[in-house]
Amino acid sequence: MSPFLERGRLLDVGEIKRAVTRIAHEILERNKGAGRLVLVGIAARGDDLARRLASEIARIESVEVPVGALDITFYRDDIGMRAEAPEVHETRIGFDITGTTVVVVDDVLFTGRTIRAAMDALIDFGRPRAIQLAVLVDRGHRELPIRADYVGKNVPTRRDEEVRVRLVETDGEDAVVVGENTPEGNGAVGAALSERGPA
C-alpha cells in the first residue's frame, strides 16, 4: 500500500461526537421516533458509527434500535478489476428488515458506488419500507445519483485526495483527515480513490 501523506484534519474527536449526536436527533425527527427503525453500517467503520448512533438514540428516546453490519465487497461493480485482493468483512444482520426503515450508515460518501452496492446487498435480507443514508463525511464527486439524508460534514475535495475516517474502535483515535496516497519514491499523487480504496 502506498504511503499516506496527511494534509490536514477535517474533524476532531469533539466534532465527530457532535456530528453523531446531531444525526441521531435528525433521524428521530424525520422518522417521528425510533419505531420500525434499524441501523445497518457498512463495514468497516460504518458499523462502528451505526453502533454509536444506536447508543445516542437509546439515550435520547430510551429505545434499543437493532444494529447490523454489512459487507458489500462482492456486490461492488469493480470486483475483479482491482490489482489488490479485496478485504472481506463479516455481514451481521440478525433481524428481519422487511417493513422497516433501514438507515444505512457509512463513514465517507464519495462516488456513490459503495452505497449502490449496499442497497443491492440489503435486498437479499428482505424488503424494507424505506432506505435512508447517514454518512459522517460527504466529499462530493458523485458518479451515481445518490444523496445522503443525514450528513455530519460536507467537505469539498479534489478527486485525487483521500479522506480517511479514524475511529477509536478500529484505529485507536477519533479523527477525520485529508491527504494523498503517494507512490513510494517520487511523491506523486496516487490514483483517485473510492470510499474504501481505488475507484
C-alpha atoms as a PDB file:
ATOM      1  CA  MET A   1       0.000   0.000   0.000  1.00  0.00           C
ATOM      2  CA  SER A   2       1.277   3.478  -0.886  1.00  0.00           C
ATOM      3  CA  PRO A   3       2.312   5.797   1.950  1.00  0.00           C
ATOM      4  CA  PHE A   4      -0.367   8.248   3.062  1.00  0.00           C
ATOM      5  CA  LEU A   5       0.600  11.917   3.300  1.00  0.00           C
ATOM      6  CA  GLU A   6      -1.775  13.711   5.674  1.00  0.00           C
ATOM      7  CA  ARG A   7      -2.593  17.283   4.592  1.00  0.00           C
ATOM      8  CA  GLY A   8      -4.978  18.326   7.320  1.00  0.00           C
ATOM      9  CA  ARG A   9      -7.653  17.392   9.847  1.00  0.00           C
ATOM     10  CA  LEU A  10     -11.306  17.909   8.993  1.00  0.00           C
ATOM     11  CA  LEU A  11     -12.943  16.704  12.228  1.00  0.00           C
ATOM     12  CA  ASP A  12     -11.576  16.079  15.707  1.00  0.00           C
ATOM     13  CA  VAL A  13     -12.955  13.870  18.466  1.00  0.00           C
ATOM     14  CA  GLY A  14     -15.394  16.512  19.754  1.00  0.00           C
ATOM     15  CA  GLU A  15     -16.675  17.386  16.293  1.00  0.00           C
ATOM     16  CA  ILE A  16     -17.264  13.709  15.471  1.00  0.00           C
ATOM     17  CA  LYS A  17     -19.210  13.255  18.715  1.00  0.00           C
ATOM     18  CA  ARG A  18     -21.362  16.315  17.998  1.00  0.00           C
ATOM     19  CA  ALA A  19     -21.992  15.165  14.419  1.00  0.00           C
ATOM     20  CA  VAL A  20     -23.174  11.745  15.621  1.00  0.00           C
ATOM     21  CA  THR A  21     -25.460  13.342  18.210  1.00  0.00           C
ATOM     22  CA  ARG A  22     -26.959  15.709  15.633  1.00  0.00           C
ATOM     23  CA  ILE A  23     -27.525  12.930  13.100  1.00  0.00           C
ATOM     24  CA  ALA A  24     -29.253  10.809  15.767  1.00  0.00           C
ATOM     25  CA  HIS A  25     -31.642  13.700  16.519  1.00  0.00           C
ATOM     26  CA  GLU A  26     -32.293  14.241  12.794  1.00  0.00           C
ATOM     27  CA  ILE A  27     -33.059  10.541  12.260  1.00  0.00           C
ATOM     28  CA  LEU A  28     -35.576  10.564  15.114  1.00  0.00           C
ATOM     29  CA  GLU A  29     -37.170  13.804  13.943  1.00  0.00           C
ATOM     30  CA  ARG A  30     -37.555  12.673  10.331  1.00  0.00           C
ATOM     31  CA  ASN A  31     -38.933   9.249  11.299  1.00  0.00           C
ATOM     32  CA  LYS A  32     -41.075  10.536  14.185  1.00  0.00           C
ATOM     33  CA  GLY A  33     -39.297   8.317  16.669  1.00  0.00           C
ATOM     34  CA  ALA A  34     -37.481   5.009  16.554  1.00  0.00           C
ATOM     35  CA  GLY A  35     -40.389   2.668  15.773  1.00  0.00           C
ATOM     36  CA  ARG A  36     -39.614   0.186  12.942  1.00  0.00           C
ATOM     37  CA  LEU A  37     -36.177   1.763  12.600  1.00  0.00           C
ATOM     38  CA  VAL A  38     -32.994  -0.292  12.100  1.00  0.00           C
ATOM     39  CA  LEU A  39     -29.394   0.775  11.503  1.00  0.00           C
ATOM     40  CA  VAL A  40     -27.054  -1.094   9.164  1.00  0.00           C
ATOM     41  CA  GLY A  41     -23.440   0.054   8.995  1.00  0.00           C
ATOM     42  CA  ILE A  42     -21.144  -0.690   6.078  1.00  0.00           C
ATOM     43  CA  ALA A  43     -18.033  -2.495   7.291  1.00  0.00           C
ATOM     44  CA  ALA A  44     -15.584  -1.289   8.263  1.00  0.00           C
ATOM     45  CA  ARG A  45     -16.202   1.894  10.290  1.00  0.00           C
ATOM     46  CA  GLY A  46     -19.737   2.423   9.094  1.00  0.00           C
ATOM     47  CA  ASP A  47     -20.795  -0.321  11.506  1.00  0.00           C
ATOM     48  CA  ASP A  48     -18.896   1.417  14.335  1.00  0.00           C
ATOM     49  CA  LEU A  49     -20.729   4.653  13.539  1.00  0.00           C
ATOM     50  CA  ALA A  50     -24.053   2.766  13.420  1.00  0.00           C
ATOM     51  CA  ARG A  51     -23.461   1.453  16.940  1.00  0.00           C
ATOM     52  CA  ARG A  52     -22.659   4.981  18.139  1.00  0.00           C
ATOM     53  CA  LEU A  53     -25.872   6.276  16.558  1.00  0.00           C
ATOM     54  CA  ALA A  54     -27.847   3.478  18.228  1.00  0.00           C
ATOM     55  CA  SER A  55     -26.358   4.455  21.599  1.00  0.00           C
ATOM     56  CA  GLU A  56     -27.351   8.087  21.046  1.00  0.00           C
ATOM     57  CA  ILE A  57     -30.870   7.097  20.001  1.00  0.00           C
ATOM     58  CA  ALA A  58     -31.176   4.920  23.114  1.00  0.00           C
ATOM     59  CA  ARG A  59     -30.022   7.851  25.259  1.00  0.00           C
ATOM     60  CA  ILE A  60     -32.485  10.274  23.627  1.00  0.00           C
ATOM     61  CA  GLU A  61     -35.501   8.000  23.124  1.00  0.00           C
ATOM     62  CA  SER A  62     -34.880   5.132  25.590  1.00  0.00           C
ATOM     63  CA  VAL A  63     -35.386   2.686  22.709  1.00  0.00           C
ATOM     64  CA  GLU A  64     -32.940  -0.013  21.627  1.00  0.00           C
ATOM     65  CA  VAL A  65     -32.616   0.105  17.826  1.00  0.00           C
ATOM     66  CA  PRO A  66     -31.371  -3.058  16.068  1.00  0.00           C
ATOM     67  CA  VAL A  67     -27.908  -2.626  14.553  1.00  0.00           C
ATOM     68  CA  GLY A  68     -26.356  -4.708  11.796  1.00  0.00           C
ATOM     69  CA  ALA A  69     -23.107  -4.762   9.837  1.00  0.00           C
ATOM     70  CA  LEU A  70     -22.968  -5.192   6.073  1.00  0.00           C
ATOM     71  CA  ASP A  71     -20.036  -6.253   3.916  1.00  0.00           C
ATOM     72  CA  ILE A  72     -20.527  -5.140   0.314  1.00  0.00           C
ATOM     73  CA  THR A  73     -17.268  -6.497  -1.168  1.00  0.00           C
ATOM     74  CA  PHE A  74     -18.865  -8.954  -3.580  1.00  0.00           C
ATOM     75  CA  TYR A  75     -21.635  -6.544  -4.601  1.00  0.00           C
ATOM     76  CA  ARG A  76     -19.258  -3.871  -5.890  1.00  0.00           C
ATOM     77  CA  ASP A  77     -19.290  -3.181  -9.628  1.00  0.00           C
ATOM     78  CA  ASP A  78     -15.476  -3.185  -9.733  1.00  0.00           C
ATOM     79  CA  ILE A  79     -14.995  -6.632  -8.203  1.00  0.00           C
ATOM     80  CA  GLY A  80     -12.315  -8.426 -10.194  1.00  0.00           C
ATOM     81  CA  MET A  81     -10.967  -5.167 -11.637  1.00  0.00           C
ATOM     82  CA  ARG A  82      -8.647  -4.342  -8.730  1.00  0.00           C
ATOM     83  CA  ALA A  83      -4.993  -5.347  -8.526  1.00  0.00           C
ATOM     84  CA  GLU A  84      -5.261  -5.955  -4.763  1.00  0.00           C
ATOM     85  CA  ALA A  85      -7.355  -8.717  -3.221  1.00  0.00           C
ATOM     86  CA  PRO A  86     -10.498  -7.245  -1.608  1.00  0.00           C
ATOM     87  CA  GLU A  87     -10.679  -7.015   2.175  1.00  0.00           C
ATOM     88  CA  VAL A  88     -13.692  -9.077   3.223  1.00  0.00           C
ATOM     89  CA  HIS A  89     -15.590  -8.325   6.440  1.00  0.00           C
ATOM     90  CA  GLU A  90     -18.383 -10.150   8.223  1.00  0.00           C
ATOM     91  CA  THR A  91     -22.030  -9.361   7.492  1.00  0.00           C
ATOM     92  CA  ARG A  92     -24.156  -9.497  10.657  1.00  0.00           C
ATOM     93  CA  ILE A  93     -27.860  -8.744  10.239  1.00  0.00           C
ATOM     94  CA  GLY A  94     -29.678 -10.825  12.831  1.00  0.00           C
ATOM     95  CA  PHE A  95     -33.140  -9.372  12.265  1.00  0.00           C
ATOM     96  CA  ASP A  96     -35.755  -9.122   9.530  1.00  0.00           C
ATOM     97  CA  ILE A  97     -35.567  -5.818   7.646  1.00  0.00           C
ATOM     98  CA  THR A  98     -38.868  -6.319   5.805  1.00  0.00           C
ATOM     99  CA  GLY A  99     -41.225  -3.429   6.510  1.00  0.00           C
ATOM    100  CA  THR A 100     -38.609  -1.439   8.422  1.00  0.00           C
ATOM    101  CA  THR A 101     -36.900   1.848   7.701  1.00  0.00           C
ATOM    102  CA  VAL A 102     -33.255   0.941   7.227  1.00  0.00           C
ATOM    103  CA  VAL A 103     -30.718   3.679   7.847  1.00  0.00           C
ATOM    104  CA  VAL A 104     -27.538   2.691   6.027  1.00  0.00           C
ATOM    105  CA  VAL A 105     -24.519   4.195   7.791  1.00  0.00           C
ATOM    106  CA  ASP A 106     -21.128   4.821   6.188  1.00  0.00           C
ATOM    107  CA  ASP A 107     -18.072   6.881   7.030  1.00  0.00           C
ATOM    108  CA  VAL A 108     -17.399   8.684   3.705  1.00  0.00           C
ATOM    109  CA  LEU A 109     -19.705   9.262   0.735  1.00  0.00           C
ATOM    110  CA  PHE A 110     -17.729   9.716  -2.488  1.00  0.00           C
ATOM    111  CA  THR A 111     -18.753   8.246  -5.869  1.00  0.00           C
ATOM    112  CA  GLY A 112     -21.893   6.563  -4.523  1.00  0.00           C
ATOM    113  CA  ARG A 113     -20.871   3.120  -5.791  1.00  0.00           C
ATOM    114  CA  THR A 114     -20.428   1.683  -2.294  1.00  0.00           C
ATOM    115  CA  ILE A 115     -23.960   2.775  -1.374  1.00  0.00           C
ATOM    116  CA  ARG A 116     -25.418   1.291  -4.557  1.00  0.00           C
ATOM    117  CA  ALA A 117     -23.709  -1.995  -3.671  1.00  0.00           C
ATOM    118  CA  ALA A 118     -25.085  -1.755  -0.117  1.00  0.00           C
ATOM    119  CA  MET A 119     -28.638  -1.353  -1.381  1.00  0.00           C
ATOM    120  CA  ASP A 120     -28.217  -4.379  -3.648  1.00  0.00           C
ATOM    121  CA  ALA A 121     -26.896  -6.393  -0.701  1.00  0.00           C
ATOM    122  CA  LEU A 122     -29.736  -5.312   1.599  1.00  0.00           C
ATOM    123  CA  ILE A 123     -32.397  -6.631  -0.746  1.00  0.00           C
ATOM    124  CA  ASP A 124     -31.037 -10.131  -0.106  1.00  0.00           C
ATOM    125  CA  PHE A 125     -32.187  -9.728   3.525  1.00  0.00           C
ATOM    126  CA  GLY A 126     -35.745  -8.567   2.897  1.00  0.00           C
ATOM    127  CA  ARG A 127     -37.867  -5.737   1.534  1.00  0.00           C
ATOM    128  CA  PRO A 128     -37.544  -2.620   3.690  1.00  0.00           C
ATOM    129  CA  ARG A 129     -40.261   0.005   3.691  1.00  0.00           C
ATOM    130  CA  ALA A 130     -37.608   2.654   3.068  1.00  0.00           C
ATOM    131  CA  ILE A 131     -33.833   3.023   2.933  1.00  0.00           C
ATOM    132  CA  GLN A 132     -32.153   6.184   4.209  1.00  0.00           C
ATOM    133  CA  LEU A 133     -28.468   7.095   4.223  1.00  0.00           C
ATOM    134  CA  ALA A 134     -26.362   8.634   7.003  1.00  0.00           C
ATOM    135  CA  VAL A 135     -22.697   9.498   6.455  1.00  0.00           C
ATOM    136  CA  LEU A 136     -20.111  11.191   8.611  1.00  0.00           C
ATOM    137  CA  VAL A 137     -18.461  12.953   5.636  1.00  0.00           C
ATOM    138  CA  ASP A 138     -19.776  13.788   2.163  1.00  0.00           C
ATOM    139  CA  ARG A 139     -16.788  14.661  -0.031  1.00  0.00           C
ATOM    140  CA  GLY A 140     -18.635  15.084  -3.355  1.00  0.00           C
ATOM    141  CA  HIS A 141     -17.588  13.727  -6.788  1.00  0.00           C
ATOM    142  CA  ARG A 142     -20.697  11.569  -7.213  1.00  0.00           C
ATOM    143  CA  GLU A 143     -20.822   9.159 -10.154  1.00  0.00           C
ATOM    144  CA  LEU A 144     -24.307   7.847  -9.365  1.00  0.00           C
ATOM    145  CA  PRO A 145     -27.497   9.772  -8.418  1.00  0.00           C
ATOM    146  CA  ILE A 146     -27.191   9.062  -4.689  1.00  0.00           C
ATOM    147  CA  ARG A 147     -27.646  11.638  -1.933  1.00  0.00           C
ATOM    148  CA  ALA A 148     -27.257  11.283   1.823  1.00  0.00           C
ATOM    149  CA  ASP A 149     -30.249  12.026   4.064  1.00  0.00           C
ATOM    150  CA  TYR A 150     -28.012  12.821   7.044  1.00  0.00           C
ATOM    151  CA  VAL A 151     -24.501  14.292   6.796  1.00  0.00           C
ATOM    152  CA  GLY A 152     -22.039  15.058   9.571  1.00  0.00           C
ATOM    153  CA  LYS A 153     -19.944  17.385   7.392  1.00  0.00           C
ATOM    154  CA  ASN A 154     -19.807  18.317   3.711  1.00  0.00           C
ATOM    155  CA  VAL A 155     -16.171  18.607   2.630  1.00  0.00           C
ATOM    156  CA  PRO A 156     -15.127  19.932  -0.798  1.00  0.00           C
ATOM    157  CA  THR A 157     -12.195  17.837  -2.014  1.00  0.00           C
ATOM    158  CA  ARG A 158     -10.089  17.260  -5.068  1.00  0.00           C
ATOM    159  CA  ARG A 159     -10.719  13.934  -6.706  1.00  0.00           C
ATOM    160  CA  ASP A 160      -7.090  12.879  -6.208  1.00  0.00           C
ATOM    161  CA  GLU A 161      -7.303  13.430  -2.449  1.00  0.00           C
ATOM    162  CA  GLU A 162      -8.291  10.771   0.054  1.00  0.00           C
ATOM    163  CA  VAL A 163     -10.474  11.334   3.104  1.00  0.00           C
ATOM    164  CA  ARG A 164      -9.767   8.917   5.938  1.00  0.00           C
ATOM    165  CA  VAL A 165     -12.027   8.407   8.950  1.00  0.00           C
ATOM    166  CA  ARG A 166     -10.257   7.088  12.018  1.00  0.00           C
ATOM    167  CA  LEU A 167     -12.341   5.706  14.872  1.00  0.00           C
ATOM    168  CA  VAL A 168     -11.299   4.533  18.310  1.00  0.00           C
ATOM    169  CA  GLU A 169     -12.895   1.125  17.753  1.00  0.00           C
ATOM    170  CA  THR A 170     -10.746   0.413  14.692  1.00  0.00           C
ATOM    171  CA  ASP A 171      -7.847   2.863  14.704  1.00  0.00           C
ATOM    172  CA  GLY A 172      -7.339   3.893  18.332  1.00  0.00           C
ATOM    173  CA  GLU A 173      -8.378   7.532  17.815  1.00  0.00           C
ATOM    174  CA  ASP A 174     -11.266   9.652  16.528  1.00  0.00           C
ATOM    175  CA  ALA A 175     -10.340  11.935  13.624  1.00  0.00           C
ATOM    176  CA  VAL A 176     -11.155  12.681  10.006  1.00  0.00           C
ATOM    177  CA  VAL A 177      -8.125  13.586   7.902  1.00  0.00           C
ATOM    178  CA  VAL A 178      -7.494  14.515   4.286  1.00  0.00           C
ATOM    179  CA  GLY A 179      -4.358  13.725   2.348  1.00  0.00           C
ATOM    180  CA  GLU A 180      -2.852  11.889  -0.574  1.00  0.00           C
ATOM    181  CA  ASN A 181      -1.610   8.418  -1.335  1.00  0.00           C
ATOM    182  CA  THR A 182       1.936   8.904  -2.621  1.00  0.00           C
ATOM    183  CA  PRO A 183       3.702   6.152  -4.570  1.00  0.00           C
ATOM    184  CA  GLU A 184       6.990   5.320  -2.895  1.00  0.00           C
ATOM    185  CA  GLY A 185       9.981   7.143  -4.230  1.00  0.00           C
ATOM    186  CA  ASN A 186       8.500  10.012  -6.223  1.00  0.00           C
ATOM    187  CA  GLY A 187       5.885  11.674  -4.047  1.00  0.00           C
ATOM    188  CA  ALA A 188       3.387  11.822  -6.905  1.00  0.00           C
ATOM    189  CA  VAL A 189      -0.286  11.815  -6.104  1.00  0.00           C
ATOM    190  CA  GLY A 190      -1.904   8.373  -6.368  1.00  0.00           C
ATOM    191  CA  ALA A 191      -4.946   7.390  -8.347  1.00  0.00           C
ATOM    192  CA  ALA A 192      -8.438   8.581  -7.404  1.00  0.00           C
ATOM    193  CA  LEU A 193      -9.940   6.589  -4.555  1.00  0.00           C
ATOM    194  CA  SER A 194     -13.473   5.471  -3.810  1.00  0.00           C
ATOM    195  CA  GLU A 195     -14.978   5.273  -0.321  1.00  0.00           C
ATOM    196  CA  ARG A 196     -12.655   2.442   0.720  1.00  0.00           C
ATOM    197  CA  GLY A 197      -9.974   2.074  -1.904  1.00  0.00           C
ATOM    198  CA  PRO A 198      -9.124   2.661  -5.540  1.00  0.00           C
ATOM    199  CA  ALA A 199     -12.198   3.531  -7.619  1.00  0.00           C
END
